[in-house]
Amino acid sequence: MNKTDLINNISTKSGLTKKDVETVLNSFLGEITDALSTGDKVQLIGFGTFETRKRSGRTGRNPQTGQEISIPESNVPAFKAGNKLKEAVK
Protein backbone atom coordinates (compact mmCIF):
# COMPACT_ATOMS: atom_id res chain seq x y z
CA MET A 1 0.00 0.00 0.00
CA ASN A 2 1.33 3.43 -0.88
CA LYS A 3 0.30 6.87 0.34
CA THR A 4 -2.37 7.30 -2.37
CA ASP A 5 -3.92 3.94 -1.52
CA LEU A 6 -3.94 4.86 2.17
CA ILE A 7 -5.66 8.19 1.44
CA ASN A 8 -8.27 6.46 -0.74
CA ASN A 9 -9.00 3.78 1.89
CA ILE A 10 -9.33 6.29 4.74
CA SER A 11 -11.54 8.52 2.60
CA THR A 12 -13.83 5.62 1.75
CA LYS A 13 -14.11 4.37 5.35
CA SER A 14 -14.49 7.79 6.99
CA GLY A 15 -16.66 9.61 4.48
CA LEU A 16 -14.19 12.52 4.34
CA THR A 17 -12.95 13.93 1.06
CA LYS A 18 -9.62 12.74 -0.29
CA LYS A 19 -8.28 16.30 -0.03
CA ASP A 20 -9.21 16.51 3.68
CA VAL A 21 -7.66 13.11 4.39
CA GLU A 22 -4.48 14.09 2.53
CA THR A 23 -4.24 17.32 4.55
CA VAL A 24 -4.64 15.44 7.85
CA LEU A 25 -2.16 12.72 6.83
CA ASN A 26 0.46 15.25 5.72
CA SER A 27 0.00 17.19 8.97
CA PHE A 28 0.34 13.97 10.98
CA LEU A 29 3.53 12.98 9.19
CA GLY A 30 4.90 16.52 9.54
CA GLU A 31 4.29 16.52 13.30
CA ILE A 32 6.08 13.17 13.68
CA THR A 33 8.99 14.47 11.60
CA ASP A 34 9.20 17.69 13.64
CA ALA A 35 9.13 15.78 16.93
CA LEU A 36 11.83 13.33 15.85
CA SER A 37 14.04 16.12 14.51
CA THR A 38 14.07 17.71 17.99
CA GLY A 39 14.78 14.37 19.69
CA ASP A 40 11.28 13.77 21.07
CA LYS A 41 9.38 10.47 20.99
CA VAL A 42 5.92 10.07 19.50
CA GLN A 43 4.01 7.37 21.36
CA LEU A 44 0.67 6.13 20.03
CA ILE A 45 -0.71 3.71 22.63
CA GLY A 46 -1.58 0.37 21.06
CA PHE A 47 0.07 1.24 17.73
CA GLY A 48 3.71 1.97 18.51
CA THR A 49 6.44 4.47 19.22
CA PHE A 50 8.44 6.58 16.79
CA GLU A 51 11.83 7.59 18.17
CA THR A 52 15.40 8.33 17.18
CA ARG A 53 18.33 6.07 17.96
CA LYS A 54 22.00 6.88 17.90
CA ARG A 55 24.02 4.83 15.42
CA SER A 56 27.65 4.78 16.47
CA GLY A 57 30.48 5.62 14.09
CA ARG A 58 32.24 2.78 12.34
CA THR A 59 34.74 1.92 9.66
CA GLY A 60 33.30 1.00 6.29
CA ARG A 61 34.60 0.13 2.86
CA ASN A 62 33.91 1.80 -0.49
CA PRO A 63 32.72 -1.10 -2.67
CA GLN A 64 34.02 0.48 -5.87
CA THR A 65 37.56 1.17 -4.72
CA GLY A 66 37.94 -1.07 -1.67
CA GLN A 67 39.24 1.92 0.28
CA GLU A 68 38.38 2.04 3.99
CA ILE A 69 36.32 5.03 5.03
CA SER A 70 35.18 6.41 8.35
CA ILE A 71 31.40 6.56 8.77
CA PRO A 72 30.44 9.12 11.43
CA GLU A 73 27.84 8.49 14.13
CA SER A 74 24.32 9.60 13.33
CA ASN A 75 20.77 9.69 14.64
CA VAL A 76 18.31 7.48 12.74
CA PRO A 77 14.52 7.21 12.98
CA ALA A 78 13.11 4.00 14.43
CA PHE A 79 9.67 2.50 15.04
CA LYS A 80 8.80 0.07 17.80
CA ALA A 81 5.44 -1.67 17.29
CA GLY A 82 2.92 -1.68 20.14
CA ASN A 83 1.23 -4.80 21.53
CA LYS A 84 -2.10 -4.31 19.74
CA LEU A 85 -0.32 -3.93 16.39
CA LYS A 86 1.80 -7.01 17.06
CA GLU A 87 -1.31 -9.03 17.92
CA ALA A 88 -3.13 -7.85 14.77
CA VAL A 89 -0.22 -8.93 12.58
CA LYS A 90 0.08 -12.44 14.05
C-alpha atoms as a PDB file:
ATOM      1  CA  MET A   1       0.000   0.000   0.000  1.00  0.00           C
ATOM      2  CA  ASN A   2       1.333   3.425  -0.881  1.00  0.00           C
ATOM      3  CA  LYS A   3       0.297   6.874   0.339  1.00  0.00           C
ATOM      4  CA  THR A   4      -2.368   7.303  -2.366  1.00  0.00           C
ATOM      5  CA  ASP A   5      -3.925   3.943  -1.518  1.00  0.00           C
ATOM      6  CA  LEU A   6      -3.941   4.861   2.170  1.00  0.00           C
ATOM      7  CA  ILE A   7      -5.657   8.189   1.435  1.00  0.00           C
ATOM      8  CA  ASN A   8      -8.273   6.460  -0.737  1.00  0.00           C
ATOM      9  CA  ASN A   9      -8.997   3.782   1.894  1.00  0.00           C
ATOM     10  CA  ILE A  10      -9.330   6.290   4.741  1.00  0.00           C
ATOM     11  CA  SER A  11     -11.537   8.518   2.598  1.00  0.00           C
ATOM     12  CA  THR A  12     -13.832   5.616   1.752  1.00  0.00           C
ATOM     13  CA  LYS A  13     -14.109   4.371   5.345  1.00  0.00           C
ATOM     14  CA  SER A  14     -14.487   7.789   6.994  1.00  0.00           C
ATOM     15  CA  GLY A  15     -16.657   9.605   4.479  1.00  0.00           C
ATOM     16  CA  LEU A  16     -14.192  12.517   4.342  1.00  0.00           C
ATOM     17  CA  THR A  17     -12.954  13.925   1.062  1.00  0.00           C
ATOM     18  CA  LYS A  18      -9.619  12.738  -0.291  1.00  0.00           C
ATOM     19  CA  LYS A  19      -8.283  16.296  -0.031  1.00  0.00           C
ATOM     20  CA  ASP A  20      -9.209  16.509   3.675  1.00  0.00           C
ATOM     21  CA  VAL A  21      -7.658  13.110   4.389  1.00  0.00           C
ATOM     22  CA  GLU A  22      -4.483  14.088   2.534  1.00  0.00           C
ATOM     23  CA  THR A  23      -4.238  17.321   4.550  1.00  0.00           C
ATOM     24  CA  VAL A  24      -4.638  15.442   7.845  1.00  0.00           C
ATOM     25  CA  LEU A  25      -2.163  12.715   6.829  1.00  0.00           C
ATOM     26  CA  ASN A  26       0.456  15.250   5.716  1.00  0.00           C
ATOM     27  CA  SER A  27       0.000  17.187   8.970  1.00  0.00           C
ATOM     28  CA  PHE A  28       0.335  13.967  10.977  1.00  0.00           C
ATOM     29  CA  LEU A  29       3.532  12.980   9.186  1.00  0.00           C
ATOM     30  CA  GLY A  30       4.899  16.519   9.539  1.00  0.00           C
ATOM     31  CA  GLU A  31       4.288  16.517  13.297  1.00  0.00           C
ATOM     32  CA  ILE A  32       6.075  13.173  13.679  1.00  0.00           C
ATOM     33  CA  THR A  33       8.987  14.473  11.601  1.00  0.00           C
ATOM     34  CA  ASP A  34       9.202  17.691  13.643  1.00  0.00           C
ATOM     35  CA  ALA A  35       9.131  15.777  16.928  1.00  0.00           C
ATOM     36  CA  LEU A  36      11.833  13.330  15.846  1.00  0.00           C
ATOM     37  CA  SER A  37      14.043  16.119  14.508  1.00  0.00           C
ATOM     38  CA  THR A  38      14.066  17.706  17.986  1.00  0.00           C
ATOM     39  CA  GLY A  39      14.781  14.374  19.689  1.00  0.00           C
ATOM     40  CA  ASP A  40      11.282  13.771  21.071  1.00  0.00           C
ATOM     41  CA  LYS A  41       9.383  10.471  20.991  1.00  0.00           C
ATOM     42  CA  VAL A  42       5.917  10.074  19.502  1.00  0.00           C
ATOM     43  CA  GLN A  43       4.010   7.367  21.360  1.00  0.00           C
ATOM     44  CA  LEU A  44       0.670   6.125  20.033  1.00  0.00           C
ATOM     45  CA  ILE A  45      -0.710   3.712  22.629  1.00  0.00           C
ATOM     46  CA  GLY A  46      -1.576   0.365  21.057  1.00  0.00           C
ATOM     47  CA  PHE A  47       0.069   1.238  17.734  1.00  0.00           C
ATOM     48  CA  GLY A  48       3.709   1.967  18.510  1.00  0.00           C
ATOM     49  CA  THR A  49       6.436   4.467  19.218  1.00  0.00           C
ATOM     50  CA  PHE A  50       8.441   6.581  16.792  1.00  0.00           C
ATOM     51  CA  GLU A  51      11.834   7.591  18.171  1.00  0.00           C
ATOM     52  CA  THR A  52      15.403   8.331  17.183  1.00  0.00           C
ATOM     53  CA  ARG A  53      18.326   6.065  17.964  1.00  0.00           C
ATOM     54  CA  LYS A  54      22.000   6.878  17.895  1.00  0.00           C
ATOM     55  CA  ARG A  55      24.021   4.828  15.415  1.00  0.00           C
ATOM     56  CA  SER A  56      27.654   4.778  16.469  1.00  0.00           C
ATOM     57  CA  GLY A  57      30.477   5.615  14.095  1.00  0.00           C
ATOM     58  CA  ARG A  58      32.242   2.779  12.339  1.00  0.00           C
ATOM     59  CA  THR A  59      34.738   1.918   9.664  1.00  0.00           C
ATOM     60  CA  GLY A  60      33.295   0.998   6.287  1.00  0.00           C
ATOM     61  CA  ARG A  61      34.602   0.130   2.858  1.00  0.00           C
ATOM     62  CA  ASN A  62      33.911   1.805  -0.490  1.00  0.00           C
ATOM     63  CA  PRO A  63      32.716  -1.098  -2.670  1.00  0.00           C
ATOM     64  CA  GLN A  64      34.015   0.484  -5.866  1.00  0.00           C
ATOM     65  CA  THR A  65      37.564   1.172  -4.716  1.00  0.00           C
ATOM     66  CA  GLY A  66      37.940  -1.070  -1.669  1.00  0.00           C
ATOM     67  CA  GLN A  67      39.240   1.924   0.285  1.00  0.00           C
ATOM     68  CA  GLU A  68      38.381   2.039   3.988  1.00  0.00           C
ATOM     69  CA  ILE A  69      36.316   5.030   5.033  1.00  0.00           C
ATOM     70  CA  SER A  70      35.185   6.406   8.347  1.00  0.00           C
ATOM     71  CA  ILE A  71      31.398   6.562   8.772  1.00  0.00           C
ATOM     72  CA  PRO A  72      30.443   9.120  11.433  1.00  0.00           C
ATOM     73  CA  GLU A  73      27.845   8.491  14.128  1.00  0.00           C
ATOM     74  CA  SER A  74      24.320   9.605  13.333  1.00  0.00           C
ATOM     75  CA  ASN A  75      20.773   9.687  14.636  1.00  0.00           C
ATOM     76  CA  VAL A  76      18.310   7.484  12.745  1.00  0.00           C
ATOM     77  CA  PRO A  77      14.521   7.214  12.985  1.00  0.00           C
ATOM     78  CA  ALA A  78      13.109   3.999  14.435  1.00  0.00           C
ATOM     79  CA  PHE A  79       9.675   2.505  15.037  1.00  0.00           C
ATOM     80  CA  LYS A  80       8.798   0.073  17.800  1.00  0.00           C
ATOM     81  CA  ALA A  81       5.436  -1.665  17.291  1.00  0.00           C
ATOM     82  CA  GLY A  82       2.923  -1.685  20.139  1.00  0.00           C
ATOM     83  CA  ASN A  83       1.232  -4.803  21.531  1.00  0.00           C
ATOM     84  CA  LYS A  84      -2.096  -4.309  19.737  1.00  0.00           C
ATOM     85  CA  LEU A  85      -0.316  -3.930  16.388  1.00  0.00           C
ATOM     86  CA  LYS A  86       1.797  -7.011  17.064  1.00  0.00           C
ATOM     87  CA  GLU A  87      -1.315  -9.034  17.922  1.00  0.00           C
ATOM     88  CA  ALA A  88      -3.126  -7.848  14.775  1.00  0.00           C
ATOM     89  CA  VAL A  89      -0.223  -8.927  12.576  1.00  0.00           C
ATOM     90  CA  LYS A  90       0.084 -12.439  14.048  1.00  0.00           C
END
